[in-house]
Amino acid sequence: MSEKLTHKKCVPCEGGTKPLTKDESAPYYEQIPSWTMHDKSLEKQFTFGNFIKAMAFINKVADIAEGEGHHPDIHVFYNKVKLELSTHAIGGLSINDFIVASKVDQLTEK
């Protein structure tokens, strides 16, 4: 894999598309090692100074999700935000999950 995930664009999964296997996911996961990879999802928790900063982050995540057409499950706990990514249409992970995760990571690098 030569192209960075942050340079890719999500593409809707077609019917019958199979979820990525653990081996197929491995090269993508190398680009987002701070996330936890489960069998069917990616997960990461972010901590902020207060509720307002957490909500500002969520709004930025929403912009990414809308732009990519791929949306995480978002859980808010005052100053903590937990994101879960999975491609529900295929019942597991697709490259789209890794693309969105990599773009979300860019938010906290700035």
C-alpha atoms as a PDB file:
ATOM      1  CA  MET A   1       0.000   0.000   0.000  1.00  0.00           C
ATOM      2  CA  SER A   2       1.724   3.152  -1.162  1.00  0.00           C
ATOM      3  CA  GLU A   3      -0.942   5.820  -0.750  1.00  0.00           C
ATOM      4  CA  LYS A   4      -1.682   7.278   2.674  1.00  0.00           C
ATOM      5  CA  LEU A   5      -5.205   6.719   3.938  1.00  0.00           C
ATOM      6  CA  THR A   6      -5.640  10.455   4.476  1.00  0.00           C
ATOM      7  CA  HIS A   7      -5.331  10.931   0.707  1.00  0.00           C
ATOM      8  CA  LYS A   8      -8.052   8.399  -0.090  1.00  0.00           C
ATOM      9  CA  LYS A   9     -11.815   8.969  -0.402  1.00  0.00           C
ATOM     10  CA  CYS A  10     -14.493   6.635   0.916  1.00  0.00           C
ATOM     11  CA  VAL A  11     -16.444   4.679  -1.683  1.00  0.00           C
ATOM     12  CA  PRO A  12     -19.849   3.155  -0.873  1.00  0.00           C
ATOM     13  CA  CYS A  13     -19.684  -0.616  -0.412  1.00  0.00           C
ATOM     14  CA  GLU A  14     -21.553  -2.639  -2.998  1.00  0.00           C
ATOM     15  CA  GLY A  15     -23.942  -5.412  -2.014  1.00  0.00           C
ATOM     16  CA  GLY A  16     -22.096  -8.662  -1.523  1.00  0.00           C
ATOM     17  CA  THR A  17     -18.852  -6.940  -0.501  1.00  0.00           C
ATOM     18  CA  LYS A  18     -17.098  -8.961   2.173  1.00  0.00           C
ATOM     19  CA  PRO A  19     -15.550  -7.349   5.263  1.00  0.00           C
ATOM     20  CA  LEU A  20     -11.778  -7.123   5.373  1.00  0.00           C
ATOM     21  CA  THR A  21     -10.010 -10.045   6.991  1.00  0.00           C
ATOM     22  CA  LYS A  22      -7.497  -9.431   9.765  1.00  0.00           C
ATOM     23  CA  ASP A  23      -4.644  -9.919   7.268  1.00  0.00           C
ATOM     24  CA  GLU A  24      -6.232  -7.524   4.766  1.00  0.00           C
ATOM     25  CA  SER A  25      -6.763  -4.937   7.537  1.00  0.00           C
ATOM     26  CA  ALA A  26      -3.187  -5.117   8.846  1.00  0.00           C
ATOM     27  CA  PRO A  27      -1.530  -2.707   6.367  1.00  0.00           C
ATOM     28  CA  TYR A  28      -4.272  -0.127   6.930  1.00  0.00           C
ATOM     29  CA  TYR A  29      -4.088  -0.534  10.696  1.00  0.00           C
ATOM     30  CA  GLU A  30      -0.376   0.303  10.567  1.00  0.00           C
ATOM     31  CA  GLN A  31      -1.415   3.857   9.638  1.00  0.00           C
ATOM     32  CA  ILE A  32      -3.747   4.257  12.650  1.00  0.00           C
ATOM     33  CA  PRO A  33      -2.038   2.319  15.482  1.00  0.00           C
ATOM     34  CA  SER A  34      -3.592   4.451  18.252  1.00  0.00           C
ATOM     35  CA  TRP A  35      -7.002   2.947  17.451  1.00  0.00           C
ATOM     36  CA  THR A  36      -8.145  -0.383  18.889  1.00  0.00           C
ATOM     37  CA  MET A  37      -9.096  -2.874  16.209  1.00  0.00           C
ATOM     38  CA  HIS A  38     -11.766  -5.431  17.056  1.00  0.00           C
ATOM     39  CA  ASP A  39     -13.089  -8.167  14.767  1.00  0.00           C
ATOM     40  CA  LYS A  40     -15.757  -5.907  13.273  1.00  0.00           C
ATOM     41  CA  SER A  41     -14.874  -2.372  14.353  1.00  0.00           C
ATOM     42  CA  LEU A  42     -12.301   0.281  15.183  1.00  0.00           C
ATOM     43  CA  GLU A  43     -12.515   2.240  18.425  1.00  0.00           C
ATOM     44  CA  LYS A  44     -10.718   5.197  19.978  1.00  0.00           C
ATOM     45  CA  GLN A  45     -11.340   7.475  22.944  1.00  0.00           C
ATOM     46  CA  PHE A  46     -10.326  11.132  22.957  1.00  0.00           C
ATOM     47  CA  THR A  47     -10.099  13.345  26.056  1.00  0.00           C
ATOM     48  CA  PHE A  48     -10.502  17.128  26.072  1.00  0.00           C
ATOM     49  CA  GLY A  49     -10.237  19.911  28.630  1.00  0.00           C
ATOM     50  CA  ASN A  50     -14.003  20.359  28.893  1.00  0.00           C
ATOM     51  CA  PHE A  51     -17.382  19.641  27.348  1.00  0.00           C
ATOM     52  CA  ILE A  52     -17.233  22.561  24.891  1.00  0.00           C
ATOM     53  CA  LYS A  53     -13.922  21.316  23.446  1.00  0.00           C
ATOM     54  CA  ALA A  54     -15.332  17.793  23.170  1.00  0.00           C
ATOM     55  CA  MET A  55     -18.355  19.103  21.275  1.00  0.00           C
ATOM     56  CA  ALA A  56     -16.156  21.187  18.954  1.00  0.00           C
ATOM     57  CA  PHE A  57     -14.225  17.996  18.143  1.00  0.00           C
ATOM     58  CA  ILE A  58     -17.483  16.144  17.432  1.00  0.00           C
ATOM     59  CA  ASN A  59     -18.515  18.863  14.988  1.00  0.00           C
ATOM     60  CA  LYS A  60     -15.212  18.455  13.137  1.00  0.00           C
ATOM     61  CA  VAL A  61     -15.705  14.672  13.069  1.00  0.00           C
ATOM     62  CA  ALA A  62     -19.205  15.249  11.671  1.00  0.00           C
ATOM     63  CA  ASP A  63     -17.735  17.349   8.838  1.00  0.00           C
ATOM     64  CA  ILE A  64     -15.312  14.547   7.965  1.00  0.00           C
ATOM     65  CA  ALA A  65     -18.064  11.923   8.157  1.00  0.00           C
ATOM     66  CA  GLU A  66     -20.414  13.905   5.926  1.00  0.00           C
ATOM     67  CA  GLY A  67     -17.642  14.595   3.425  1.00  0.00           C
ATOM     68  CA  GLU A  68     -16.777  10.916   3.250  1.00  0.00           C
ATOM     69  CA  GLY A  69     -20.336   9.581   3.442  1.00  0.00           C
ATOM     70  CA  HIS A  70     -19.201   7.248   6.232  1.00  0.00           C
ATOM     71  CA  HIS A  71     -20.316   7.895   9.799  1.00  0.00           C
ATOM     72  CA  PRO A  72     -18.930   6.715  13.144  1.00  0.00           C
ATOM     73  CA  ASP A  73     -20.949   5.918  16.223  1.00  0.00           C
ATOM     74  CA  ILE A  74     -20.184   8.739  18.661  1.00  0.00           C
ATOM     75  CA  HIS A  75     -20.396   8.460  22.453  1.00  0.00           C
ATOM     76  CA  VAL A  76     -19.976  11.588  24.606  1.00  0.00           C
ATOM     77  CA  PHE A  77     -18.989  11.511  28.287  1.00  0.00           C
ATOM     78  CA  TYR A  78     -18.566  15.165  29.344  1.00  0.00           C
ATOM     79  CA  ASN A  79     -14.940  15.752  28.229  1.00  0.00           C
ATOM     80  CA  LYS A  80     -14.434  12.341  26.601  1.00  0.00           C
ATOM     81  CA  VAL A  81     -15.507  11.217  23.157  1.00  0.00           C
ATOM     82  CA  LYS A  82     -15.444   7.597  22.035  1.00  0.00           C
ATOM     83  CA  LEU A  83     -15.688   6.868  18.330  1.00  0.00           C
ATOM     84  CA  GLU A  84     -16.551   3.502  16.857  1.00  0.00           C
ATOM     85  CA  LEU A  85     -16.198   2.796  13.164  1.00  0.00           C
ATOM     86  CA  SER A  86     -17.667  -0.185  11.352  1.00  0.00           C
ATOM     87  CA  THR A  87     -19.233  -0.701   7.965  1.00  0.00           C
ATOM     88  CA  HIS A  88     -22.663  -1.872   9.063  1.00  0.00           C
ATOM     89  CA  ALA A  89     -23.777  -2.696   5.503  1.00  0.00           C
ATOM     90  CA  ILE A  90     -21.189  -5.489   5.317  1.00  0.00           C
ATOM     91  CA  GLY A  91     -21.076  -6.425   8.987  1.00  0.00           C
ATOM     92  CA  GLY A  92     -17.417  -5.613   9.553  1.00  0.00           C
ATOM     93  CA  LEU A  93     -14.489  -3.470   8.539  1.00  0.00           C
ATOM     94  CA  SER A  94     -13.933  -1.879   5.140  1.00  0.00           C
ATOM     95  CA  ILE A  95     -11.212   0.463   3.963  1.00  0.00           C
ATOM     96  CA  ASN A  96     -13.700   3.297   4.611  1.00  0.00           C
ATOM     97  CA  ASP A  97     -13.369   2.764   8.362  1.00  0.00           C
ATOM     98  CA  PHE A  98      -9.603   3.169   8.168  1.00  0.00           C
ATOM     99  CA  ILE A  99      -9.872   6.238   5.921  1.00  0.00           C
ATOM    100  CA  VAL A 100     -12.203   8.038   8.345  1.00  0.00           C
ATOM    101  CA  ALA A 101     -10.056   7.009  11.338  1.00  0.00           C
ATOM    102  CA  SER A 102      -6.929   8.429   9.695  1.00  0.00           C
ATOM    103  CA  LYS A 103      -8.665  11.705   8.884  1.00  0.00           C
ATOM    104  CA  VAL A 104     -10.004  11.998  12.449  1.00  0.00           C
ATOM    105  CA  ASP A 105      -6.471  11.459  13.747  1.00  0.00           C
ATOM    106  CA  GLN A 106      -5.363  14.501  11.753  1.00  0.00           C
ATOM    107  CA  LEU A 107      -7.712  16.637  13.858  1.00  0.00           C
ATOM    108  CA  THR A 108      -5.782  15.906  17.017  1.00  0.00           C
ATOM    109  CA  GLU A 109      -2.368  16.304  15.359  1.00  0.00           C
ATOM    110  CA  LYS A 110      -3.006  19.997  14.658  1.00  0.00           C
END
